[in-house]
Amino acid sequence: MAEKILVVEDESKIARFLELELKHEGYEVELAFDGRDGLEKALKDDIALVILDLMLPMLSGIEVLRRIRKTSDVPVILLTAKDDVSDKVVGLDSGANDYVTKPFAIEELLARIRVALKRNGSGRRKAEEEVLTAGELVLNKTSHKVTYGDEEIPLSKKEYDLLEYMMENSGIVLTREKLIEKVWGYEYYGDTNVTDVYIRYLRAKIDQKYNRSYIRTVRGVGYIFEEKD
């Protein structure tokens, strides 16, 4: 049975566009055009994920999100036209799983949907699902150990956190700002080049040592983790 995605978006052209793209990808889609209707539909048992606009009539997206989180852990991806850090912080602090800023590439949104659904696992992830793999590279989220084949790779906490986040978002291009936000936190105000430094550390310990190319630079944007033969 196809997973059902709820799109809460008051701009009808965007809502219909998302409906067509999501159905093309094999999802069932339900639409809501204001916050109150969106909240009611989001609490249904058959909703697998919610795409939620921040600027909504009746109830704001943040208020809808807060009310959802009182009773449900359904994955929520925010859509916002505001490229404002404070909006992102409030959204994530209120329980959003991720966000995409308008205008967005549909391929990026689809990738984030796949990641959010995979992470959620209906809210009942088993212990064995706490292991991330890419070929012979294995990251164990329970023991915080990383191995390649039978050999353990010694990583600092930040190296581990960076690798974990990139493996969780395998196939998604991640900007330096996004990496800093997720790995170093909002309170970090240093040079964004810190990500380049830690990427070099990971490449030296993994890619170069084992002759692999897991971490690729996307010029002018950031980095992407990919498993390639």
Protein backbone atom coordinates (compact mmCIF):
# COMPACT_ATOMS: atom_id res chain seq x y z
CA MET A 1 0.00 0.00 0.00
CA ALA A 2 1.34 3.43 -0.97
CA GLU A 3 2.33 5.83 1.79
CA LYS A 4 0.06 8.86 2.10
CA ILE A 5 1.53 12.36 2.24
CA LEU A 6 -0.44 15.37 3.42
CA VAL A 7 0.41 18.68 1.74
CA VAL A 8 -0.71 21.73 3.74
CA GLU A 9 -0.19 24.68 1.39
CA ASP A 10 -2.47 27.66 0.75
CA GLU A 11 -0.99 28.46 -2.68
CA SER A 12 -3.08 26.23 -4.92
CA LYS A 13 -0.57 26.14 -7.80
CA ILE A 14 2.19 24.86 -5.50
CA ALA A 15 -0.18 22.40 -3.83
CA ARG A 16 -1.33 20.95 -7.16
CA PHE A 17 2.22 20.79 -8.46
CA LEU A 18 3.31 18.84 -5.39
CA GLU A 19 0.28 16.59 -5.70
CA LEU A 20 1.18 15.66 -9.28
CA GLU A 21 4.88 15.10 -8.51
CA LEU A 22 4.20 13.00 -5.42
CA LYS A 23 1.61 10.86 -7.18
CA HIS A 24 4.10 10.35 -10.00
CA GLU A 25 6.53 9.00 -7.38
CA GLY A 26 3.92 6.52 -6.19
CA TYR A 27 2.63 8.27 -3.06
CA GLU A 28 -0.99 8.87 -2.16
CA VAL A 29 -1.64 12.57 -1.58
CA GLU A 30 -4.12 14.55 0.49
CA LEU A 31 -4.34 18.34 0.33
CA ALA A 32 -5.25 21.03 2.85
CA PHE A 33 -5.30 24.76 2.11
CA ASP A 34 -5.45 26.24 5.61
CA GLY A 35 -4.03 25.50 9.04
CA ARG A 36 -7.18 24.20 10.71
CA ASP A 37 -7.97 21.71 7.97
CA GLY A 38 -4.31 20.74 7.82
CA LEU A 39 -4.17 20.01 11.54
CA GLU A 40 -7.29 17.87 11.43
CA LYS A 41 -6.00 15.82 8.50
CA ALA A 42 -2.45 15.54 9.91
CA LEU A 43 -3.75 13.66 12.95
CA LYS A 44 -5.28 10.88 10.87
CA ASP A 45 -3.65 7.48 11.37
CA ASP A 46 -3.03 6.91 7.66
CA ILE A 47 -0.80 9.98 7.13
CA ALA A 48 2.85 8.94 6.74
CA LEU A 49 4.35 12.41 6.35
CA VAL A 50 3.26 16.07 6.33
CA ILE A 51 4.61 18.80 4.05
CA LEU A 52 3.69 21.97 5.92
CA ASP A 53 3.88 25.57 4.72
CA LEU A 54 4.72 28.12 7.42
CA MET A 55 2.49 30.92 6.13
CA LEU A 56 -1.10 29.64 6.37
CA PRO A 57 -4.52 31.16 6.99
CA MET A 58 -6.57 30.15 10.08
CA LEU A 59 -3.58 28.66 11.94
CA SER A 60 0.10 29.31 11.24
CA GLY A 61 2.33 26.46 10.21
CA ILE A 62 4.24 26.68 13.50
CA GLU A 63 1.03 26.46 15.52
CA VAL A 64 -0.13 23.48 13.44
CA LEU A 65 3.23 21.81 14.05
CA ARG A 66 3.12 22.41 17.80
CA ARG A 67 -0.36 20.92 18.05
CA ILE A 68 0.64 17.92 15.94
CA ARG A 69 3.56 17.23 18.26
CA LYS A 70 1.30 17.05 21.29
CA THR A 71 -0.10 13.74 20.07
CA SER A 72 1.84 12.55 17.01
CA ASP A 73 5.40 11.88 15.84
CA VAL A 74 4.47 11.90 12.13
CA PRO A 75 7.41 13.30 10.11
CA VAL A 76 6.93 16.97 9.17
CA ILE A 77 8.88 18.84 6.49
CA LEU A 78 8.42 22.62 6.52
CA LEU A 79 8.06 24.71 3.38
CA THR A 80 8.85 28.37 3.77
CA ALA A 81 9.44 31.33 1.50
CA LYS A 82 11.48 32.97 4.26
CA ASP A 83 15.22 32.40 4.18
CA ASP A 84 15.40 33.39 7.84
CA VAL A 85 17.42 31.42 10.37
CA SER A 86 14.96 32.29 13.15
CA ASP A 87 12.09 30.63 11.26
CA LYS A 88 14.15 27.49 10.79
CA VAL A 89 15.19 27.44 14.44
CA VAL A 90 11.61 27.86 15.69
CA GLY A 91 10.38 25.19 13.28
CA LEU A 92 13.00 22.63 14.23
CA ASP A 93 12.65 23.42 17.94
CA SER A 94 8.90 22.90 17.58
CA GLY A 95 9.42 19.40 16.24
CA ALA A 96 9.91 19.66 12.47
CA ASN A 97 12.04 16.90 10.97
CA ASP A 98 13.41 19.04 8.16
CA TYR A 99 12.73 22.14 6.06
CA VAL A 100 12.98 23.29 2.45
CA THR A 101 13.10 26.96 1.46
CA LYS A 102 11.06 28.17 -1.52
CA PRO A 103 11.82 28.14 -4.36
CA PHE A 104 12.95 24.53 -4.11
CA ALA A 105 14.00 21.79 -6.50
CA ILE A 106 11.46 18.98 -6.46
CA GLU A 107 14.29 16.43 -6.54
CA GLU A 108 15.66 17.79 -3.25
CA LEU A 109 12.23 17.69 -1.59
CA LEU A 110 11.66 14.11 -2.78
CA ALA A 111 15.04 13.09 -1.38
CA ARG A 112 14.24 14.68 1.98
CA ILE A 113 10.87 12.92 2.02
CA ARG A 114 12.58 9.56 1.48
CA VAL A 115 15.06 10.28 4.28
CA ALA A 116 12.32 11.38 6.71
CA LEU A 117 10.17 8.31 5.98
CA LYS A 118 13.15 6.00 6.34
CA ARG A 119 14.17 7.58 9.65
CA ASN A 120 10.70 7.43 11.06
CA GLY A 121 10.09 3.77 10.31
CA SER A 122 6.56 4.17 11.70
CA GLY A 123 8.09 5.38 14.96
CA ARG A 124 9.31 1.91 15.92
CA ARG A 125 12.83 1.52 14.63
CA LYS A 126 14.52 -1.71 15.60
CA ALA A 127 18.01 -1.87 17.03
CA GLU A 128 19.46 -3.29 13.82
CA GLU A 129 18.18 -0.24 11.96
CA GLU A 130 20.53 1.89 14.07
CA VAL A 131 23.35 0.80 11.77
CA LEU A 132 24.19 2.83 8.66
CA THR A 133 26.09 1.08 5.89
CA ALA A 134 27.76 2.04 2.63
CA GLY A 135 29.52 -0.95 1.17
CA GLU A 136 32.06 -2.10 3.76
CA LEU A 137 31.72 1.15 5.71
CA VAL A 138 29.52 0.63 8.78
CA LEU A 139 28.45 3.25 11.32
CA ASN A 140 26.86 1.85 14.48
CA LYS A 141 24.70 4.53 16.13
CA THR A 142 24.33 2.51 19.32
CA SER A 143 28.02 1.96 20.01
CA HIS A 144 29.20 5.12 18.16
CA LYS A 145 31.76 3.03 16.32
CA VAL A 146 32.71 3.20 12.66
CA THR A 147 34.35 0.29 10.88
CA TYR A 148 35.54 -0.53 7.40
CA GLY A 149 35.56 -4.28 6.92
CA ASP A 150 37.00 -5.65 10.17
CA GLU A 151 38.97 -2.51 10.99
CA GLU A 152 37.68 0.16 13.38
CA ILE A 153 38.15 3.77 12.26
CA PRO A 154 39.05 6.14 15.13
CA LEU A 155 37.00 9.33 14.82
CA SER A 156 36.64 12.39 17.02
CA LYS A 157 33.11 13.30 18.17
CA LYS A 158 32.68 15.96 15.49
CA GLU A 159 34.07 13.67 12.79
CA TYR A 160 31.61 10.98 13.88
CA ASP A 161 28.67 13.42 14.02
CA LEU A 162 29.52 14.78 10.58
CA LEU A 163 29.82 11.33 9.03
CA GLU A 164 26.59 10.17 10.68
CA TYR A 165 24.62 13.13 9.35
CA MET A 166 26.05 12.74 5.85
CA MET A 167 25.32 9.00 5.77
CA GLU A 168 21.76 9.61 7.01
CA ASN A 169 21.35 12.04 4.11
CA SER A 170 23.14 9.93 1.52
CA GLY A 171 22.47 11.19 -1.99
CA ILE A 172 21.48 14.70 -0.85
CA VAL A 173 23.71 17.70 -1.52
CA LEU A 174 24.40 19.38 1.82
CA THR A 175 25.53 22.99 2.04
CA ARG A 176 28.23 24.07 4.46
CA GLU A 177 25.63 26.09 6.34
CA LYS A 178 23.38 23.04 6.69
CA LEU A 179 26.25 20.93 7.97
CA ILE A 180 27.22 23.56 10.54
CA GLU A 181 23.61 23.90 11.68
CA LYS A 182 23.16 20.15 12.14
CA VAL A 183 26.63 19.18 13.43
CA TRP A 184 27.97 22.27 15.21
CA GLY A 185 24.62 23.80 16.21
CA TYR A 186 22.97 27.19 15.86
CA GLU A 187 25.22 28.73 18.48
CA TYR A 188 28.30 28.29 16.27
CA TYR A 189 29.41 31.60 14.79
CA GLY A 190 32.86 30.66 13.51
CA ASP A 191 34.17 30.26 9.98
CA THR A 192 32.08 28.00 7.72
CA ASN A 193 35.39 26.61 6.44
CA VAL A 194 35.40 24.39 9.53
CA THR A 195 33.31 21.97 7.47
CA ASP A 196 36.03 21.81 4.81
CA VAL A 197 38.60 20.98 7.50
CA TYR A 198 36.54 18.11 8.91
CA ILE A 199 35.68 16.80 5.45
CA ARG A 200 39.44 16.57 4.82
CA TYR A 201 39.83 14.63 8.07
CA LEU A 202 37.13 12.14 7.04
CA ARG A 203 38.54 11.74 3.56
CA ALA A 204 42.00 11.05 4.95
CA LYS A 205 40.67 8.43 7.38
CA ILE A 206 38.21 6.75 5.00
CA ASP A 207 38.29 7.69 1.31
CA GLN A 208 42.04 7.94 0.93
CA LYS A 209 42.92 5.11 3.29
CA TYR A 210 40.54 2.62 1.68
CA ASN A 211 40.72 3.99 -1.85
CA ARG A 212 37.03 4.94 -1.93
CA SER A 213 35.17 8.09 -2.99
CA TYR A 214 32.27 8.36 -0.56
CA ILE A 215 32.41 12.14 -0.07
CA ARG A 216 32.16 14.30 -3.20
CA THR A 217 32.50 18.07 -3.45
CA VAL A 218 29.68 19.88 -5.26
CA ARG A 219 31.42 23.04 -6.42
CA GLY A 220 29.86 26.23 -5.13
CA VAL A 221 27.32 24.36 -2.99
CA GLY A 222 28.76 21.88 -0.50
CA TYR A 223 29.19 18.13 -0.23
CA ILE A 224 27.34 14.90 -0.95
CA PHE A 225 27.85 11.40 0.49
CA GLU A 226 27.33 8.64 -2.05
CA GLU A 227 27.99 4.92 -2.13
CA LYS A 228 29.68 4.04 -5.39
CA ASP A 229 31.30 0.84 -6.55
